[in-house]
C-alpha atoms as a PDB file:
ATOM      1  CA  MET A   1     101.639 131.225  32.467  1.00  0.00           C
ATOM      2  CA  GLU A   2     103.441 127.924  32.087  1.00  0.00           C
ATOM      3  CA  THR A   3     101.695 124.803  30.840  1.00  0.00           C
ATOM      4  CA  HIS A   4     103.334 121.444  31.459  1.00  0.00           C
ATOM      5  CA  ALA A   5     102.117 118.031  30.368  1.00  0.00           C
ATOM      6  CA  PHE A   6     102.104 115.469  33.162  1.00  0.00           C
ATOM      7  CA  GLU A   7     104.494 113.292  31.169  1.00  0.00           C
ATOM      8  CA  ASP A   8     107.076 116.084  30.916  1.00  0.00           C
ATOM      9  CA  ILE A   9     107.360 116.844  34.629  1.00  0.00           C
ATOM     10  CA  VAL A  10     110.252 115.244  36.494  1.00  0.00           C
ATOM     11  CA  GLY A  11     110.959 114.632  40.148  1.00  0.00           C
ATOM     12  CA  GLY A  12     112.932 117.470  41.716  1.00  0.00           C
ATOM     13  CA  GLU A  13     111.555 120.061  39.301  1.00  0.00           C
ATOM     14  CA  ARG A  14     111.160 123.364  41.122  1.00  0.00           C
ATOM     15  CA  ARG A  15     109.648 126.836  40.750  1.00  0.00           C
ATOM     16  CA  GLU A  16     109.725 129.888  42.985  1.00  0.00           C
ATOM     17  CA  LEU A  17     108.070 133.251  43.333  1.00  0.00           C
ATOM     18  CA  ALA A  18     109.111 136.253  45.465  1.00  0.00           C
ATOM     19  CA  VAL A  19     106.278 138.392  46.863  1.00  0.00           C
ATOM     20  CA  LEU A  20     106.286 141.591  48.915  1.00  0.00           C
ATOM     21  CA  LEU A  21     103.562 141.284  51.551  1.00  0.00           C
ATOM     22  CA  ASP A  22     102.943 144.972  52.163  1.00  0.00           C
ATOM     23  CA  ALA A  23     100.020 146.907  53.664  1.00  0.00           C
ATOM     24  CA  PRO A  24      97.891 147.018  50.480  1.00  0.00           C
ATOM     25  CA  VAL A  25      98.136 143.222  50.139  1.00  0.00           C
ATOM     26  CA  LEU A  26      97.176 142.613  53.792  1.00  0.00           C
ATOM     27  CA  ASP A  27      94.353 145.169  53.575  1.00  0.00           C
ATOM     28  CA  ALA A  28      92.932 143.643  50.380  1.00  0.00           C
ATOM     29  CA  PHE A  29      92.954 140.156  51.890  1.00  0.00           C
ATOM     30  CA  ALA A  30      91.176 141.414  55.026  1.00  0.00           C
ATOM     31  CA  ARG A  31      88.516 143.130  52.894  1.00  0.00           C
ATOM     32  CA  SER A  32      88.054 140.026  50.742  1.00  0.00           C
ATOM     33  CA  THR A  33      87.742 137.574  53.633  1.00  0.00           C
ATOM     34  CA  GLY A  34      86.358 139.694  56.441  1.00  0.00           C
ATOM     35  CA  ASP A  35      89.248 138.697  58.723  1.00  0.00           C
ATOM     36  CA  ALA A  36      89.959 142.034  60.378  1.00  0.00           C
ATOM     37  CA  ASN A  37      91.618 140.630  63.482  1.00  0.00           C
ATOM     38  CA  PRO A  38      93.714 143.479  64.922  1.00  0.00           C
ATOM     39  CA  LEU A  39      96.820 141.275  64.847  1.00  0.00           C
ATOM     40  CA  HIS A  40      96.591 141.611  61.055  1.00  0.00           C
ATOM     41  CA  MET A  41      95.299 145.188  60.888  1.00  0.00           C
ATOM     42  CA  ASP A  42      96.850 147.232  63.715  1.00  0.00           C
ATOM     43  CA  ALA A  43     100.636 147.519  64.078  1.00  0.00           C
ATOM     44  CA  ALA A  44     100.335 148.852  67.644  1.00  0.00           C
ATOM     45  CA  PHE A  45      98.146 145.920  68.657  1.00  0.00           C
ATOM     46  CA  ALA A  46     100.610 143.467  67.056  1.00  0.00           C
ATOM     47  CA  ALA A  47     103.513 145.199  68.848  1.00  0.00           C
ATOM     48  CA  GLY A  48     101.644 144.784  72.125  1.00  0.00           C
ATOM     49  CA  ARG A  49     101.617 141.043  71.433  1.00  0.00           C
ATOM     50  CA  GLY A  50     105.358 140.925  70.792  1.00  0.00           C
ATOM     51  CA  PHE A  51     105.467 141.221  67.000  1.00  0.00           C
ATOM     52  CA  PRO A  52     107.490 143.877  65.151  1.00  0.00           C
ATOM     53  CA  GLY A  53     104.528 144.795  62.938  1.00  0.00           C
ATOM     54  CA  ARG A  54     101.265 143.570  61.492  1.00  0.00           C
ATOM     55  CA  VAL A  55     101.171 139.801  61.053  1.00  0.00           C
ATOM     56  CA  ALA A  56     100.132 138.554  57.605  1.00  0.00           C
ATOM     57  CA  HIS A  57      97.128 136.240  57.564  1.00  0.00           C
ATOM     58  CA  GLY A  58      98.308 132.629  57.426  1.00  0.00           C
ATOM     59  CA  LEU A  59      96.022 131.743  54.553  1.00  0.00           C
ATOM     60  CA  LEU A  60      97.076 134.859  52.653  1.00  0.00           C
ATOM     61  CA  VAL A  61     100.634 133.564  52.838  1.00  0.00           C
ATOM     62  CA  CYS A  62      99.554 130.094  51.708  1.00  0.00           C
ATOM     63  CA  SER A  63      97.489 131.460  48.827  1.00  0.00           C
ATOM     64  CA  TYR A  64     100.698 132.142  46.912  1.00  0.00           C
ATOM     65  CA  PHE A  65     101.269 128.395  46.649  1.00  0.00           C
ATOM     66  CA  SER A  66      98.002 128.264  44.708  1.00  0.00           C
ATOM     67  CA  ALA A  67      99.402 130.917  42.366  1.00  0.00           C
ATOM     68  CA  LEU A  68     102.520 128.808  41.810  1.00  0.00           C
ATOM     69  CA  VAL A  69     100.480 125.667  41.124  1.00  0.00           C
ATOM     70  CA  GLY A  70      98.077 127.372  38.736  1.00  0.00           C
ATOM     71  CA  THR A  71     100.587 129.426  36.774  1.00  0.00           C
ATOM     72  CA  MET A  72     103.989 127.717  37.002  1.00  0.00           C
ATOM     73  CA  LEU A  73     104.157 124.143  38.291  1.00  0.00           C
ATOM     74  CA  PRO A  74     102.367 122.418  36.777  1.00  0.00           C
ATOM     75  CA  GLY A  75     100.392 125.374  35.397  1.00  0.00           C
ATOM     76  CA  ARG A  76      97.152 125.762  33.519  1.00  0.00           C
ATOM     77  CA  ASP A  77      96.011 122.127  33.235  1.00  0.00           C
ATOM     78  CA  CYS A  78      95.858 121.153  36.894  1.00  0.00           C
ATOM     79  CA  MET A  79      93.686 121.439  39.971  1.00  0.00           C
ATOM     80  CA  LEU A  80      94.756 121.572  43.606  1.00  0.00           C
ATOM     81  CA  GLN A  81      93.375 118.508  45.395  1.00  0.00           C
ATOM     82  CA  SER A  82      94.767 118.828  48.895  1.00  0.00           C
ATOM     83  CA  ALA A  83      97.084 120.988  50.962  1.00  0.00           C
ATOM     84  CA  ARG A  84      98.686 120.714  54.397  1.00  0.00           C
ATOM     85  CA  PHE A  85     100.698 123.534  55.939  1.00  0.00           C
ATOM     86  CA  ASP A  86     102.836 123.982  59.039  1.00  0.00           C
ATOM     87  CA  PHE A  87     103.355 127.565  60.166  1.00  0.00           C
ATOM     88  CA  LYS A  88     106.887 127.907  61.531  1.00  0.00           C
ATOM     89  CA  ARG A  89     107.160 131.697  62.006  1.00  0.00           C
ATOM     90  CA  PRO A  90     104.838 134.563  61.131  1.00  0.00           C
ATOM     91  CA  VAL A  91     105.260 136.805  58.120  1.00  0.00           C
ATOM     92  CA  ILE A  92     105.359 140.484  59.068  1.00  0.00           C
ATOM     93  CA  GLU A  93     103.987 143.324  56.955  1.00  0.00           C
ATOM     94  CA  GLY A  94     106.612 144.625  54.544  1.00  0.00           C
ATOM     95  CA  GLU A  95     108.597 141.400  54.241  1.00  0.00           C
ATOM     96  CA  THR A  96     109.419 139.798  50.924  1.00  0.00           C
ATOM     97  CA  VAL A  97     108.792 136.067  51.046  1.00  0.00           C
ATOM     98  CA  VAL A  98     110.110 133.524  48.552  1.00  0.00           C
ATOM     99  CA  PHE A  99     107.600 130.768  47.842  1.00  0.00           C
ATOM    100  CA  SER A 100     108.781 127.529  46.258  1.00  0.00           C
ATOM    101  CA  LEU A 101     107.337 124.252  45.057  1.00  0.00           C
ATOM    102  CA  GLU A 102     109.296 121.103  44.304  1.00  0.00           C
ATOM    103  CA  VAL A 103     108.015 117.876  42.766  1.00  0.00           C
ATOM    104  CA  LEU A 104     108.437 115.102  45.331  1.00  0.00           C
ATOM    105  CA  GLN A 105     106.423 112.387  43.641  1.00  0.00           C
ATOM    106  CA  LYS A 106     104.548 111.569  40.420  1.00  0.00           C
ATOM    107  CA  VAL A 107     101.711 109.071  40.677  1.00  0.00           C
ATOM    108  CA  GLU A 108     101.331 107.850  37.107  1.00  0.00           C
ATOM    109  CA  SER A 109      98.181 105.762  37.645  1.00  0.00           C
ATOM    110  CA  VAL A 110      96.056 108.779  38.665  1.00  0.00           C
ATOM    111  CA  ARG A 111      98.119 111.596  37.068  1.00  0.00           C
ATOM    112  CA  VAL A 112      98.855 113.312  40.372  1.00  0.00           C
ATOM    113  CA  LEU A 113     101.852 115.247  41.653  1.00  0.00           C
ATOM    114  CA  VAL A 114     102.900 115.582  45.277  1.00  0.00           C
ATOM    115  CA  LEU A 115     104.707 118.884  45.828  1.00  0.00           C
ATOM    116  CA  GLU A 116     106.772 120.210  48.709  1.00  0.00           C
ATOM    117  CA  ALA A 117     105.847 123.808  49.564  1.00  0.00           C
ATOM    118  CA  ARG A 118     108.172 126.241  51.325  1.00  0.00           C
ATOM    119  CA  ALA A 119     107.911 129.930  52.180  1.00  0.00           C
ATOM    120  CA  VAL A 120     111.175 131.556  53.248  1.00  0.00           C
ATOM    121  CA  GLY A 121     111.606 134.981  54.836  1.00  0.00           C
ATOM    122  CA  PRO A 122     114.150 137.677  53.968  1.00  0.00           C
ATOM    123  CA  ALA A 123     116.854 136.173  56.199  1.00  0.00           C
ATOM    124  CA  GLY A 124     116.421 132.720  54.650  1.00  0.00           C
ATOM    125  CA  ASP A 125     114.354 131.466  57.578  1.00  0.00           C
ATOM    126  CA  LEU A 126     111.528 129.004  56.981  1.00  0.00           C
ATOM    127  CA  ARG A 127     108.100 130.536  57.595  1.00  0.00           C
ATOM    128  CA  VAL A 128     105.735 127.889  56.164  1.00  0.00           C
ATOM    129  CA  SER A 129     106.265 124.343  54.978  1.00  0.00           C
ATOM    130  CA  GLY A 130     103.770 121.968  53.511  1.00  0.00           C
ATOM    131  CA  ARG A 131     102.660 119.360  51.014  1.00  0.00           C
ATOM    132  CA  LEU A 132     100.289 119.825  48.098  1.00  0.00           C
ATOM    133  CA  GLN A 133      98.630 117.277  45.861  1.00  0.00           C
ATOM    134  CA  VAL A 134      97.603 118.361  42.374  1.00  0.00           C
ATOM    135  CA  GLY A 135      95.766 116.452  39.691  1.00  0.00           C
ATOM    136  CA  PHE A 136      95.777 117.066  35.972  1.00  0.00           C
ATOM    137  CA  THR A 137      92.635 118.154  34.140  1.00  0.00           C
ATOM    138  CA  ALA A 138      93.980 117.566  30.637  1.00  0.00           C
END
């Protein structure tokens, strides 16, 4: 786990994390949330709707941005304050997605960072984009 002081973070700083979104991950998220929509659980159902496999839950995909915030940028001494996401293309079971955060803005007066969030699929195609605001707790 990384721990960064607010004063040490600079604009443009970036972190990324690659994650395989396979069946056990999708199944665990469905069990945890109760979202057992067949689009997420049944490959045949998803295929009948035009997808090549099970579609990962949108908020499962976005949860990895929370992991980046809490463990990498800025790390331990922060709290997510707000998040906005745009879903560009679905993530399909078995794909490895690269999640990234980049510091867009530091607001010194309230010790807040504005971060750009991006999730990119195996072919380099944008799946999710967004903005996060995080505040420092220390």
